[in-house]
N, C-alpha and C. Protein backbone atom coordinates (compact mmCIF):
# COMPACT_ATOMS: atom_id res chain seq x y z
N UNK A 1 84.79 100.34 133.09
CA UNK A 1 85.10 99.33 131.54
C UNK A 1 86.47 99.50 130.51
N UNK A 2 86.96 100.84 130.35
CA UNK A 2 87.72 100.94 129.53
C UNK A 2 88.77 100.41 129.78
N UNK A 3 89.64 100.19 131.11
CA UNK A 3 90.79 99.89 131.81
C UNK A 3 90.49 98.13 131.64
N UNK A 4 89.54 97.12 131.53
CA UNK A 4 89.08 96.45 131.63
C UNK A 4 89.71 95.97 129.48
N UNK A 5 88.45 96.05 129.35
CA UNK A 5 89.23 96.70 127.70
C UNK A 5 90.99 96.62 127.21
N UNK A 6 91.21 97.92 128.10
CA UNK A 6 92.73 97.87 127.13
C UNK A 6 93.56 97.02 127.73
N UNK A 7 92.86 96.20 129.15
CA UNK A 7 94.18 94.40 129.42
C UNK A 7 93.91 93.98 128.74
N UNK A 8 92.33 93.14 128.39
CA UNK A 8 91.80 92.16 127.57
C UNK A 8 92.91 92.81 126.23
N UNK A 9 92.81 93.85 125.39
CA UNK A 9 93.91 93.84 124.35
C UNK A 9 95.22 93.48 124.54
N UNK A 10 95.63 94.45 125.20
CA UNK A 10 96.89 93.55 125.82
C UNK A 10 97.39 92.08 126.02
N UNK A 11 96.37 91.39 126.82
CA UNK A 11 96.32 90.19 126.67
C UNK A 11 96.00 89.49 125.19
N UNK A 12 95.93 89.69 124.32
CA UNK A 12 95.59 89.78 123.35
C UNK A 12 96.71 89.97 122.16
N UNK A 13 97.30 90.84 122.40
CA UNK A 13 98.82 91.52 121.66
C UNK A 13 99.65 90.36 122.03
N UNK A 14 99.14 90.13 123.74
CA UNK A 14 100.87 89.28 123.91
C UNK A 14 100.39 87.85 123.19
N UNK A 15 99.19 87.46 123.14
CA UNK A 15 98.96 86.09 122.74
C UNK A 15 99.15 86.10 121.41
N UNK A 16 98.60 86.62 120.24
CA UNK A 16 99.49 87.09 118.87
C UNK A 16 100.83 86.98 118.95
N UNK A 17 102.05 87.93 119.55
CA UNK A 17 103.17 87.61 119.88
C UNK A 17 103.95 86.27 119.51
N UNK A 18 103.16 85.46 120.57
CA UNK A 18 103.55 83.98 120.98
C UNK A 18 103.04 83.31 119.90
N UNK A 19 101.72 83.50 119.55
CA UNK A 19 101.46 82.40 118.21
C UNK A 19 102.37 83.00 116.38
N UNK A 20 102.81 84.01 116.73
CA UNK A 20 104.11 84.40 115.25
C UNK A 20 105.31 84.23 115.94
N UNK A 21 105.87 83.73 117.18
CA UNK A 21 107.08 82.70 117.47
C UNK A 21 106.83 81.38 116.65
N UNK A 22 105.86 80.84 116.61
CA UNK A 22 105.30 79.23 116.44
C UNK A 22 105.37 79.23 115.27
N UNK A 23 105.34 80.27 114.15
CA UNK A 23 105.02 80.32 113.05
C UNK A 23 106.80 80.51 112.20
N UNK A 24 106.31 79.07 111.04
CA UNK A 24 107.56 79.02 110.21
C UNK A 24 107.67 78.25 108.88
N UNK A 25 108.44 78.93 108.29
CA UNK A 25 107.97 78.44 107.11
C UNK A 25 110.22 78.09 105.59
N UNK A 26 109.78 76.93 105.76
CA UNK A 26 111.02 76.54 104.95
C UNK A 26 110.68 76.14 103.60
N UNK A 27 111.73 76.05 102.88
CA UNK A 27 112.41 75.78 101.69
C UNK A 27 112.81 74.92 100.96
N UNK A 28 112.76 74.09 100.63
CA UNK A 28 113.41 72.82 100.44
C UNK A 28 114.39 72.53 99.30
N UNK A 29 115.44 73.04 98.18
CA UNK A 29 115.61 73.19 97.08
C UNK A 29 117.03 72.55 96.79
N UNK A 30 116.61 71.65 95.25
CA UNK A 30 117.99 71.35 94.76
C UNK A 30 119.38 72.12 95.18
N UNK A 31 120.20 71.33 95.46
CA UNK A 31 121.18 72.09 95.84
C UNK A 31 122.45 72.45 94.23
N UNK A 32 122.23 71.66 93.05
CA UNK A 32 122.67 72.34 92.16
C UNK A 32 121.94 73.02 91.15
N UNK A 33 120.51 72.72 90.92
CA UNK A 33 119.91 73.36 90.19
C UNK A 33 118.61 75.09 90.96
N UNK A 34 118.77 74.71 92.29
CA UNK A 34 118.08 75.49 93.11
C UNK A 34 116.56 75.10 93.29
N UNK A 35 115.78 74.35 91.72
CA UNK A 35 114.93 74.44 92.17
C UNK A 35 114.01 73.78 93.36
N UNK A 36 112.83 74.56 93.15
CA UNK A 36 112.18 74.34 94.71
C UNK A 36 111.54 72.81 94.53
N UNK A 37 111.64 72.14 95.33
CA UNK A 37 111.39 70.92 95.71
C UNK A 37 110.35 70.54 96.24
N UNK A 38 110.41 71.24 97.51
CA UNK A 38 109.15 71.50 98.76
C UNK A 38 108.95 72.54 99.92
N UNK A 39 107.91 71.89 100.40
CA UNK A 39 108.16 73.48 101.45
C UNK A 39 107.28 72.58 102.96
N UNK A 40 107.72 73.75 104.22
CA UNK A 40 107.15 73.33 104.73
C UNK A 40 106.75 74.29 106.12
N UNK A 41 105.25 74.80 106.06
CA UNK A 41 104.52 75.57 106.56
C UNK A 41 103.55 75.21 107.77
N UNK A 42 104.08 76.35 108.67
CA UNK A 42 103.23 76.35 109.76
C UNK A 42 102.83 78.18 110.22
N UNK A 43 101.63 77.62 110.14
CA UNK A 43 101.40 79.40 109.85
C UNK A 43 99.32 79.71 110.16
N UNK A 44 98.90 80.55 110.43
CA UNK A 44 97.80 81.39 110.55
C UNK A 44 97.44 81.26 108.95
N UNK A 45 98.39 81.69 108.73
CA UNK A 45 98.06 81.97 106.89
C UNK A 45 99.16 81.06 105.62
N UNK A 46 98.83 79.56 106.33
CA UNK A 46 99.30 79.13 105.56
C UNK A 46 98.73 78.84 104.26
N UNK A 47 97.95 78.64 104.11
CA UNK A 47 96.64 78.06 102.76
C UNK A 47 97.84 79.24 101.90
N UNK A 48 97.81 80.37 101.99
CA UNK A 48 97.69 81.48 101.07
C UNK A 48 99.23 81.09 100.51
N UNK A 49 100.12 81.38 101.25
CA UNK A 49 101.83 80.83 101.29
C UNK A 49 102.08 79.57 100.54
N UNK A 50 101.49 77.93 100.84
CA UNK A 50 101.29 77.31 99.56
C UNK A 50 100.53 77.31 98.50
N UNK A 51 99.92 77.92 98.73
CA UNK A 51 99.44 78.28 97.07
C UNK A 51 100.00 79.04 96.25
N UNK A 52 100.67 79.90 97.06
CA UNK A 52 101.77 80.99 96.29
C UNK A 52 102.74 79.42 95.97
N UNK A 53 103.42 79.17 96.80
CA UNK A 53 105.08 78.13 96.22
C UNK A 53 104.14 77.28 95.68
N UNK A 54 103.03 76.59 95.88
CA UNK A 54 103.07 75.23 94.90
C UNK A 54 102.64 75.54 93.78
N UNK A 55 102.24 77.02 93.38
CA UNK A 55 101.83 77.33 92.06
C UNK A 55 103.93 77.68 91.46
N UNK A 56 104.48 77.95 92.03
CA UNK A 56 105.98 78.42 92.01
C UNK A 56 106.29 76.81 91.19
N UNK A 57 106.18 76.43 92.27
CA UNK A 57 106.83 74.58 91.77
C UNK A 57 106.49 73.91 90.93
N UNK A 58 104.88 74.23 90.64
CA UNK A 58 103.94 73.97 89.46
C UNK A 58 104.97 73.72 88.36
N UNK A 59 105.16 75.10 87.92
CA UNK A 59 105.92 76.09 86.73
C UNK A 59 107.30 75.72 87.39
N UNK A 60 108.18 74.87 87.77
CA UNK A 60 109.78 74.86 87.73
C UNK A 60 109.91 75.38 88.46
N UNK A 61 110.30 76.47 89.69
CA UNK A 61 110.70 77.78 89.96
C UNK A 61 111.52 77.80 90.63
N UNK A 62 112.75 78.19 90.80
CA UNK A 62 113.95 78.01 91.73
C UNK A 62 113.82 78.66 93.04
N UNK A 63 114.27 79.11 93.55
CA UNK A 63 114.48 79.28 94.91
C UNK A 63 115.18 81.37 94.41
N UNK A 64 115.59 81.06 94.08
CA UNK A 64 115.60 82.46 93.06
C UNK A 64 115.35 82.92 92.49
N UNK A 65 113.71 82.39 91.66
CA UNK A 65 112.51 83.57 90.69
C UNK A 65 111.84 83.40 92.08
N UNK A 66 111.72 82.56 92.92
CA UNK A 66 110.61 82.98 94.17
C UNK A 66 111.04 84.58 94.57
N UNK A 67 112.21 84.35 95.23
CA UNK A 67 113.66 85.24 95.90
C UNK A 67 113.06 86.76 95.11
N UNK A 68 113.00 86.53 94.07
CA UNK A 68 112.78 88.03 92.79
C UNK A 68 112.16 88.36 92.51
N UNK A 69 111.08 87.57 93.32
CA UNK A 69 109.07 88.08 92.74
C UNK A 69 109.16 89.46 93.90
N UNK A 70 108.32 90.15 93.47
CA UNK A 70 107.85 91.03 94.37
C UNK A 70 106.53 90.68 95.58
N UNK A 71 107.25 90.66 96.62
CA UNK A 71 106.26 90.57 98.03
C UNK A 71 105.92 91.60 98.87
N UNK A 72 104.97 91.84 99.03
CA UNK A 72 104.35 92.64 99.41
C UNK A 72 105.04 93.17 101.22
N UNK A 73 105.20 94.21 101.38
CA UNK A 73 105.54 94.43 102.98
C UNK A 73 104.84 95.21 104.06
N UNK A 74 104.14 95.12 105.32
CA UNK A 74 104.84 93.88 105.94
C UNK A 74 103.23 92.19 105.71
N UNK A 75 104.25 91.91 105.49
CA UNK A 75 102.90 90.48 105.05
C UNK A 75 103.05 89.22 105.80
N UNK A 76 102.39 88.44 105.26
CA UNK A 76 103.33 87.34 105.23
C UNK A 76 103.68 86.42 104.46
N UNK A 77 103.14 87.14 102.95
CA UNK A 77 103.86 86.58 101.45
C UNK A 77 105.74 87.06 101.84
N UNK A 78 105.32 88.01 102.42
CA UNK A 78 106.95 88.04 102.43
C UNK A 78 107.73 87.37 102.71
N UNK A 79 107.31 86.52 103.86
CA UNK A 79 108.25 85.76 104.54
C UNK A 79 108.26 84.30 103.49
N UNK A 80 107.97 84.11 102.07
CA UNK A 80 107.98 83.92 101.60
C UNK A 80 109.36 83.95 101.00
N UNK A 81 109.35 85.20 100.54
CA UNK A 81 110.76 85.67 99.90
C UNK A 81 111.73 85.63 101.01
N UNK A 82 112.03 85.91 102.35
CA UNK A 82 112.35 85.72 102.95
C UNK A 82 113.89 83.85 102.99
N UNK A 83 112.34 83.17 102.89
CA UNK A 83 112.04 81.44 102.83
C UNK A 83 113.34 81.78 101.87
N UNK A 84 113.43 81.94 100.43
CA UNK A 84 113.85 82.03 99.22
C UNK A 84 115.26 82.26 98.92
N UNK A 85 114.98 83.26 99.84
CA UNK A 85 116.71 84.19 99.97
C UNK A 85 117.22 83.31 100.97
N UNK A 86 117.16 82.82 101.75
CA UNK A 86 117.88 82.04 103.26
C UNK A 86 118.20 80.84 102.72
N UNK A 87 117.55 80.25 100.83
CA UNK A 87 118.08 79.07 100.51
C UNK A 87 119.64 79.13 99.95
N UNK A 88 119.82 80.66 99.73
CA UNK A 88 120.81 80.78 99.11
C UNK A 88 122.07 81.84 100.47
N UNK A 89 121.09 81.48 101.57
CA UNK A 89 121.91 82.30 102.69
C UNK A 89 122.24 83.74 102.74
N UNK A 90 121.32 84.09 102.08
CA UNK A 90 120.99 85.60 102.39
C UNK A 90 119.69 85.96 102.67
N UNK A 91 119.35 85.74 103.18
CA UNK A 91 117.95 86.55 104.16
C UNK A 91 118.22 87.37 104.46
N UNK A 92 117.28 89.02 104.46
CA UNK A 92 117.44 90.22 104.86
C UNK A 92 116.68 90.52 106.53
N UNK A 93 116.48 89.91 106.73
CA UNK A 93 115.96 89.88 108.10
C UNK A 93 116.15 88.96 109.41
N UNK A 94 116.42 87.67 109.12
CA UNK A 94 117.25 86.27 109.95
C UNK A 94 118.21 85.72 109.59
């Protein structure tokens, strides 16, 4: 039984890896002002990510404002920081 359980956990791990590959986050910002105009999120944590970015948009945040905000590592919210930094072509991890 233990062997079967281990095999199932390996399959689950592989499935989770595949799902992670399908996740995507894009931030659309004005080229001149850097103000965030919109976002596109495909993720199992999309609700959390959208909530953070919608709050920033409501208060007129720039991509730089979002990038400079503290984001916990390793979490899905860290992807928000990465995407905001990518607007200025300076992401850390991709």
